Amino acid sequence: MKSKHIIITGTSRGIGFELVKLFSKLGHKVLALSRNNEPVDNLSLKNVTSFSFDLSNEDDYKKVETFINNEWQHVDILINNAGMLLNKPFAETTISDFAKVYQTNVFGVSEMTRIVLPFMKQNGHILTISSMGGIQGSMKFPGLAAYSSSKGAVITLTELLAEEYKETGPQFNVLALGAVQTEMLEEAFPGYQAPTTALEMAEYVLDFSLNGNKFYNGKVLQVSNSTP
């Protein structure tokens, strides 16, 4: 397989961290973005570039744009994986709480996509990681109003972008994940043991990011075998 240029957000832990290792092992070039870039830097992986990146900092997007311009000139795949979780009773949340969650989970996805789009070809793939909590009609859980509603927002955003770019590409899809054994799951459901590991889900996400846009565009796939 020809080496691809892949950008992944939220790479300091969990699924994003595992994705970086898997893509590197296959020989792809990766730009790994996270507020904490040390976990990836410490791996010293071939073909992986990592720098500190905050989805809420407008100046950081310019760093990504400059990197693509200077090093790659094009991007094949963008995986919007970064997410912020807030587990808090709705009555105790503030407008600032909601703003922080949406800044990462919605506005961050939107802005990263806007920055990367000019560098993508017709067969590029923008894949956003959502949650079963963002699926209309799915089981919902107290305390996750900000998080789950933000995950619903990016599903609709993806559908809209797929329609807007259907003639020119790239393709846009969403994976709505169920329970995966990550630090974020522990924050949402302390003590719950998920049947799927971060590595197992990363393997699925990797395959879908490379091949899913051949079959899907503007679609949300529910990737869940358990509740939560």
Protein backbone atom coordinates (compact mmCIF):
# COMPACT_ATOMS: atom_id res chain seq x y z
CA MET A 1 0.00 0.00 0.00
CA LYS A 2 1.23 3.45 -0.91
CA SER A 3 2.24 5.54 2.09
CA LYS A 4 -0.43 8.06 3.09
CA HIS A 5 -0.34 11.35 4.97
CA ILE A 6 -2.56 11.09 8.04
CA ILE A 7 -3.48 13.65 10.71
CA ILE A 8 -4.85 12.39 14.02
CA THR A 9 -6.05 14.53 16.92
CA GLY A 10 -6.17 13.39 20.52
CA THR A 11 -3.10 11.15 20.40
CA SER A 12 -1.79 11.28 23.97
CA ARG A 13 -3.82 8.29 25.17
CA GLY A 14 -6.47 5.72 24.29
CA ILE A 15 -7.51 5.05 20.72
CA GLY A 16 -5.54 7.97 19.25
CA PHE A 17 -2.31 6.82 20.85
CA GLU A 18 -2.79 3.28 19.51
CA LEU A 19 -3.62 4.62 16.04
CA VAL A 20 -0.32 6.47 15.81
CA LYS A 21 1.61 3.27 16.50
CA LEU A 22 -0.44 1.22 14.05
CA PHE A 23 -0.17 3.69 11.16
CA SER A 24 3.57 4.09 11.75
CA LYS A 25 4.05 0.32 11.70
CA LEU A 26 2.36 0.21 8.27
CA GLY A 27 4.73 2.87 6.95
CA HIS A 28 2.32 5.79 6.77
CA LYS A 29 3.32 9.36 7.65
CA VAL A 30 1.49 10.70 10.68
CA LEU A 31 1.00 14.12 12.23
CA ALA A 32 -0.02 13.41 15.82
CA LEU A 33 -1.74 16.29 17.59
CA SER A 34 -2.50 16.52 21.29
CA ARG A 35 -2.16 19.03 24.10
CA ASN A 36 0.34 16.61 25.64
CA ASN A 37 2.71 15.49 22.89
CA GLU A 38 5.17 13.67 25.19
CA PRO A 39 3.58 10.17 25.01
CA VAL A 40 4.00 10.09 21.22
CA ASP A 41 7.38 11.83 21.26
CA ASN A 42 8.68 9.23 23.70
CA LEU A 43 7.91 6.48 21.18
CA SER A 44 10.43 7.96 18.69
CA LEU A 45 8.49 6.44 15.82
CA LYS A 46 9.61 6.63 12.21
CA ASN A 47 7.54 8.92 9.97
CA VAL A 48 5.64 10.41 12.93
CA THR A 49 5.65 14.13 13.68
CA SER A 50 4.16 15.30 16.95
CA PHE A 51 3.71 18.70 18.50
CA SER A 52 1.57 20.21 21.22
CA PHE A 53 -1.78 21.31 19.85
CA ASP A 54 -4.85 22.73 21.57
CA LEU A 55 -8.12 22.64 19.62
CA SER A 56 -9.27 25.78 21.45
CA ASN A 57 -6.20 27.82 20.44
CA GLU A 58 -6.65 29.53 17.07
CA ASP A 59 -2.89 30.04 16.65
CA ASP A 60 -2.25 26.28 16.85
CA TYR A 61 -4.21 25.71 13.63
CA LYS A 62 -1.72 27.93 11.84
CA LYS A 63 1.05 25.56 12.96
CA VAL A 64 -0.78 22.68 11.29
CA GLU A 65 -1.31 24.68 8.10
CA THR A 66 2.37 25.65 8.00
CA PHE A 67 3.48 22.04 8.57
CA ILE A 68 1.32 20.72 5.73
CA ASN A 69 2.51 23.46 3.39
CA ASN A 70 6.18 22.91 4.16
CA GLU A 71 6.38 19.14 4.64
CA TRP A 72 3.54 17.31 2.92
CA GLN A 73 1.63 19.58 0.50
CA HIS A 74 -1.37 17.23 0.77
CA VAL A 75 -3.33 15.20 3.35
CA ASP A 76 -5.00 11.87 2.63
CA ILE A 77 -6.82 11.22 5.90
CA LEU A 78 -7.92 13.36 8.84
CA ILE A 79 -9.13 11.54 11.94
CA ASN A 80 -10.95 13.89 14.32
CA ASN A 81 -10.44 11.76 17.41
CA ALA A 82 -9.88 14.30 20.21
CA GLY A 83 -12.70 14.63 22.69
CA MET A 84 -13.50 16.28 25.99
CA LEU A 85 -15.74 14.60 28.53
CA LEU A 86 -17.76 16.32 31.22
CA ASN A 87 -19.59 14.09 33.71
CA LYS A 88 -21.66 16.48 35.78
CA PRO A 89 -25.36 16.83 36.71
CA PHE A 90 -27.02 19.20 34.24
CA ALA A 91 -28.30 21.53 36.97
CA GLU A 92 -24.71 22.09 38.12
CA THR A 93 -23.27 22.83 34.68
CA THR A 94 -22.48 26.37 33.56
CA ILE A 95 -22.38 28.03 30.17
CA SER A 96 -18.58 27.86 30.50
CA ASP A 97 -18.75 24.07 31.00
CA PHE A 98 -20.76 23.64 27.81
CA ALA A 99 -18.51 26.06 25.92
CA LYS A 100 -15.38 24.07 26.83
CA VAL A 101 -16.87 20.77 25.71
CA TYR A 102 -18.23 22.20 22.46
CA GLN A 103 -14.96 24.05 21.80
CA THR A 104 -13.14 20.72 21.55
CA ASN A 105 -15.84 18.32 20.38
CA VAL A 106 -17.61 20.51 17.82
CA PHE A 107 -15.75 23.73 17.02
CA GLY A 108 -12.41 21.88 17.05
CA VAL A 109 -13.68 19.34 14.53
CA SER A 110 -15.11 22.08 12.35
CA GLU A 111 -11.97 24.23 12.35
CA MET A 112 -9.52 21.36 11.87
CA THR A 113 -11.60 20.16 8.94
CA ARG A 114 -11.67 23.66 7.42
CA ILE A 115 -7.88 23.98 7.72
CA VAL A 116 -7.17 20.57 6.16
CA LEU A 117 -9.75 20.58 3.34
CA PRO A 118 -7.70 22.67 0.85
CA PHE A 119 -4.93 20.06 1.04
CA MET A 120 -7.17 17.04 0.38
CA LYS A 121 -7.78 15.29 -2.92
CA GLN A 122 -11.07 13.95 -4.25
CA ASN A 123 -10.53 10.54 -2.65
CA GLY A 124 -9.48 11.93 0.75
CA HIS A 125 -11.27 10.84 3.90
CA ILE A 126 -12.30 12.92 6.91
CA LEU A 127 -13.33 10.58 9.69
CA THR A 128 -14.80 11.89 12.93
CA ILE A 129 -15.03 9.79 16.07
CA SER A 130 -18.36 10.28 17.80
CA SER A 131 -20.20 8.32 20.47
CA MET A 132 -23.30 6.17 20.78
CA GLY A 133 -24.45 8.90 23.16
CA GLY A 134 -24.77 11.19 20.15
CA ILE A 135 -27.10 8.83 18.29
CA GLN A 136 -30.73 9.90 18.29
CA GLY A 137 -32.84 7.30 20.09
CA SER A 138 -29.91 5.57 21.78
CA MET A 139 -29.70 5.01 25.52
CA LYS A 140 -28.69 8.18 27.35
CA PHE A 141 -26.98 8.63 30.72
CA PRO A 142 -27.31 11.32 33.41
CA GLY A 143 -24.41 13.72 33.69
CA LEU A 144 -23.42 13.55 30.02
CA ALA A 145 -25.67 16.30 28.61
CA ALA A 146 -22.83 18.44 27.28
CA TYR A 147 -20.71 15.54 26.01
CA SER A 148 -23.42 13.50 24.28
CA SER A 149 -25.14 16.51 22.71
CA SER A 150 -21.80 17.66 21.29
CA LYS A 151 -21.26 14.22 19.81
CA GLY A 152 -24.68 14.46 18.17
CA ALA A 153 -23.71 17.82 16.68
CA VAL A 154 -20.68 16.45 14.81
CA ILE A 155 -22.79 13.69 13.31
CA THR A 156 -25.07 16.29 11.70
CA LEU A 157 -22.06 18.41 10.72
CA THR A 158 -20.55 15.42 8.90
CA GLU A 159 -23.77 14.78 6.98
CA LEU A 160 -23.86 18.44 5.90
CA LEU A 161 -20.22 18.49 4.77
CA ALA A 162 -20.63 15.28 2.78
CA GLU A 163 -23.49 16.91 0.90
CA GLU A 164 -21.60 20.17 0.34
CA TYR A 165 -18.51 18.41 -1.04
CA LYS A 166 -20.17 15.44 -2.76
CA GLU A 167 -19.13 16.61 -6.24
CA THR A 168 -15.50 17.40 -5.44
CA GLY A 169 -14.64 15.17 -2.47
CA PRO A 170 -13.27 14.35 -0.01
CA GLN A 171 -15.59 11.93 1.76
CA PHE A 172 -16.86 12.48 5.31
CA ASN A 173 -17.94 9.76 7.74
CA VAL A 174 -18.53 9.22 11.44
CA LEU A 175 -17.93 6.25 13.70
CA ALA A 176 -20.17 6.35 16.77
CA LEU A 177 -18.33 4.23 19.32
CA GLY A 178 -19.79 2.30 22.19
CA ALA A 179 -17.85 1.33 25.30
CA VAL A 180 -14.09 1.08 24.79
CA GLN A 181 -11.72 0.53 27.71
CA THR A 182 -10.06 3.95 27.83
CA GLU A 183 -9.32 6.58 30.43
CA MET A 184 -12.30 8.57 29.16
CA LEU A 185 -14.66 5.65 29.72
CA GLU A 186 -13.39 5.37 33.29
CA GLU A 187 -14.21 9.07 33.80
CA ALA A 188 -17.74 8.59 32.48
CA PHE A 189 -18.48 5.20 34.08
CA PRO A 190 -16.06 4.54 36.96
CA GLY A 191 -15.42 0.84 37.46
CA TYR A 192 -17.15 -0.30 34.27
CA GLN A 193 -15.18 -2.85 32.25
CA ALA A 194 -15.70 -2.59 28.51
CA PRO A 195 -15.42 -5.68 26.29
CA THR A 196 -13.34 -3.78 23.71
CA THR A 197 -9.79 -2.51 24.26
CA ALA A 198 -8.39 0.72 22.85
CA LEU A 199 -6.08 -1.27 20.58
CA GLU A 200 -8.92 -3.40 19.19
CA MET A 201 -10.97 -0.32 18.38
CA ALA A 202 -7.93 1.45 16.92
CA GLU A 203 -7.45 -1.47 14.51
CA TYR A 204 -11.06 -1.07 13.35
CA VAL A 205 -10.74 2.72 13.00
CA LEU A 206 -7.50 2.34 11.04
CA ASP A 207 -9.08 -0.04 8.52
CA PHE A 208 -12.17 2.13 8.13
CA SER A 209 -10.16 5.31 7.66
CA LEU A 210 -8.16 3.67 4.87
CA ASN A 211 -11.05 1.95 3.10
CA GLY A 212 -14.44 3.10 4.40
CA ASN A 213 -14.75 6.07 2.04
CA LYS A 214 -14.83 3.69 -0.91
CA PHE A 215 -18.25 2.54 0.30
CA TYR A 216 -19.61 5.31 2.52
CA ASN A 217 -20.00 9.08 2.43
CA GLY A 218 -21.98 11.19 4.88
CA LYS A 219 -22.76 8.14 6.98
CA VAL A 220 -22.62 7.36 10.68
CA LEU A 221 -21.74 3.79 11.60
CA GLN A 222 -22.59 2.55 15.05
CA VAL A 223 -19.61 0.58 16.37
CA SER A 224 -20.88 -0.83 19.62
CA ASN A 225 -21.39 -4.23 21.19
CA SER A 226 -22.28 -3.07 24.71
CA THR A 227 -24.05 -0.45 26.79
CA PRO A 228 -22.79 1.93 27.98
